[in-house]
Protein backbone atom coordinates (compact mmCIF):
# COMPACT_ATOMS: atom_id res chain seq x y z
CA MET A 1 0.00 0.00 0.00
CA THR A 2 1.40 3.37 -0.98
CA THR A 3 1.32 6.63 0.94
CA ASP A 4 -1.12 7.91 -1.72
CA ASP A 5 -3.45 4.99 -0.91
CA LEU A 6 -3.29 5.76 2.81
CA VAL A 7 -4.02 9.45 2.24
CA GLU A 8 -6.92 8.60 -0.09
CA ILE A 9 -8.48 6.27 2.51
CA GLN A 10 -7.98 8.88 5.25
CA GLN A 11 -9.73 11.48 3.07
CA LEU A 12 -12.54 9.01 2.36
CA LEU A 13 -13.08 8.53 6.09
CA ALA A 14 -12.93 12.29 6.67
CA ARG A 15 -15.68 12.68 4.03
CA TYR A 16 -17.75 10.13 5.95
CA ALA A 17 -17.42 12.12 9.19
CA VAL A 18 -18.09 15.51 7.60
CA THR A 19 -21.04 14.42 5.46
CA ILE A 20 -22.80 12.58 8.29
CA THR A 21 -22.19 15.53 10.63
CA ARG A 22 -23.73 17.87 8.05
CA GLY A 23 -26.62 15.51 7.34
CA ASP A 24 -25.67 15.20 3.65
CA ILE A 25 -26.91 11.65 3.07
CA ASP A 26 -26.38 11.71 -0.70
CA ALA A 27 -22.69 12.56 -0.25
CA LEU A 28 -22.43 10.10 2.63
CA LEU A 29 -23.58 7.21 0.44
CA THR A 30 -20.80 7.94 -2.10
CA VAL A 31 -18.11 6.87 0.37
CA PHE A 32 -19.41 3.28 0.15
CA THR A 33 -19.24 0.69 -2.60
CA PRO A 34 -22.70 0.03 -4.12
CA ASP A 35 -22.89 -3.24 -2.15
CA GLY A 36 -21.59 -1.62 1.03
CA THR A 37 -23.02 -2.33 4.46
CA TYR A 38 -23.14 -0.74 7.90
CA SER A 39 -23.35 -2.85 11.06
CA ALA A 40 -24.62 -1.73 14.46
CA PHE A 41 -27.37 -2.55 16.96
CA GLY A 42 -26.89 -6.27 16.43
CA ASP A 43 -27.62 -6.17 12.70
CA THR A 44 -26.13 -5.36 9.30
CA TYR A 45 -27.84 -2.80 7.07
CA PRO A 46 -27.48 -2.49 3.28
CA LEU A 47 -27.07 0.99 1.82
CA THR A 48 -30.76 1.08 0.91
CA GLU A 49 -31.56 1.16 4.64
CA PHE A 50 -28.73 3.48 5.67
CA PRO A 51 -30.64 6.77 5.13
CA ALA A 52 -33.43 5.61 7.49
CA LEU A 53 -30.84 4.48 10.03
CA VAL A 54 -29.10 7.88 9.93
CA ALA A 55 -32.47 9.71 10.12
CA ALA A 56 -33.36 7.80 13.30
CA ALA A 57 -30.01 8.51 14.96
CA PRO A 58 -29.21 11.54 17.14
CA LYS A 59 -27.61 14.47 15.31
CA GLY A 60 -24.28 15.96 16.23
CA LEU A 61 -20.55 15.98 15.62
CA PHE A 62 -18.78 12.84 14.40
CA LEU A 63 -15.21 13.38 15.54
CA THR A 64 -12.98 10.63 14.19
CA GLY A 65 -9.35 9.83 14.77
CA THR A 66 -6.62 8.68 12.43
CA PRO A 67 -7.37 5.13 11.29
CA VAL A 68 -5.02 2.19 11.50
CA ILE A 69 -5.08 0.64 8.02
CA GLU A 70 -3.77 -2.79 7.05
CA GLU A 71 -3.54 -3.91 3.45
CA THR A 72 -4.99 -7.32 2.74
CA ASP A 73 -4.03 -7.26 -0.96
CA GLY A 74 -3.51 -4.61 -3.62
CA ASP A 75 -7.18 -3.66 -3.96
CA THR A 76 -8.57 -4.39 -0.50
CA ALA A 77 -7.67 -3.30 2.99
CA LYS A 78 -9.08 -3.26 6.48
CA GLY A 79 -8.82 -0.78 9.28
CA THR A 80 -10.05 0.56 12.59
CA GLN A 81 -10.96 4.18 13.29
CA PRO A 82 -11.78 5.68 16.71
CA LEU A 83 -14.93 7.79 17.08
CA CYS A 84 -16.25 10.33 19.56
CA PHE A 85 -19.82 11.44 18.81
CA VAL A 86 -21.10 14.62 20.49
CA ASP A 87 -24.90 14.99 20.60
CA HIS A 88 -25.84 18.47 19.34
CA ALA A 89 -28.67 19.00 21.84
CA THR A 90 -27.13 17.72 25.06
CA HIS A 91 -23.41 17.54 24.28
CA ASP A 92 -23.50 13.99 25.67
CA LEU A 93 -20.73 11.81 24.27
CA ARG A 94 -20.73 8.38 22.70
CA ILE A 95 -17.38 6.79 22.13
CA GLY A 96 -16.25 3.76 20.22
CA TYR A 97 -14.65 2.70 17.00
CA TYR A 98 -15.39 1.53 13.50
CA ASP A 99 -13.98 -1.69 12.03
CA ASP A 100 -13.86 -1.25 8.26
CA THR A 101 -13.05 -2.96 5.02
CA TYR A 102 -12.06 -0.90 1.98
CA THR A 103 -12.07 -1.70 -1.72
CA ARG A 104 -10.28 0.11 -4.53
CA THR A 105 -12.84 0.94 -7.23
CA PRO A 106 -12.62 2.84 -10.53
CA ARG A 107 -13.73 5.90 -8.47
CA GLY A 108 -11.00 5.33 -5.88
CA TRP A 109 -11.04 3.70 -2.45
CA ARG A 110 -14.47 3.14 -0.90
CA LEU A 111 -15.85 1.63 2.29
CA ARG A 112 -17.25 -1.83 1.69
CA THR A 113 -18.19 -2.53 5.30
CA ARG A 114 -18.32 -0.38 8.40
CA ALA A 115 -19.13 -1.90 11.80
CA MET A 116 -19.68 0.25 14.90
CA THR A 117 -18.51 -0.82 18.34
CA PHE A 118 -19.55 1.30 21.32
CA ILE A 119 -17.41 1.61 24.45
CA ARG A 120 -19.62 1.72 27.56
CA ARG A 121 -18.93 3.37 30.90
CA SER A 122 -18.53 -0.13 32.30
CA GLY A 123 -15.69 -0.73 29.85
CA ALA A 124 -17.75 -3.17 27.79
CA HIS A 125 -17.44 -3.08 24.01
CA ASP A 126 -20.62 -3.91 22.08
CA SER A 127 -22.49 -3.21 18.85
CA GLY A 128 -25.36 -1.40 20.57
CA ARG A 129 -28.80 -2.34 21.74
CA PRO A 130 -30.79 -4.26 19.09
CA HIS A 131 -33.88 -2.14 19.75
CA ALA A 132 -32.07 1.16 19.12
CA PHE A 133 -33.29 1.21 15.52
CA ASP A 134 -36.50 -0.33 14.21
CA ARG A 135 -36.36 -1.36 10.60
CA PRO A 136 -39.28 -0.27 8.47
CA ALA A 137 -41.96 -2.94 8.02
CA VAL A 138 -41.67 -4.68 4.68
């Protein structure tokens, strides 16, 4: 993996944090591959469900740290990125990290999977409460 690859992935993840903070869902979806997924609350969500998931979530600042990125081959990589979310209304914090996989596409590096792990006051690490987001009835 080259330095250019690392910088491109870091910029991709910065776009994720900025677009979700601003509520720009259309731009947020462009950081993923078309078959990308997001995992939290005990489940995995395809991109088609991601806008509803974001709409149901509290709004605020997504403050992310520098990711640790490991190449798995020339066109795929995996990484972990720390997160501190600040709720806009209460300034309450949620902390945790994302475990990611990345794929090089014709449009550049994109997130293929992103899985959230929350760090609780107890020190426990978990994917969130399953009832935190109700999927729309099909």
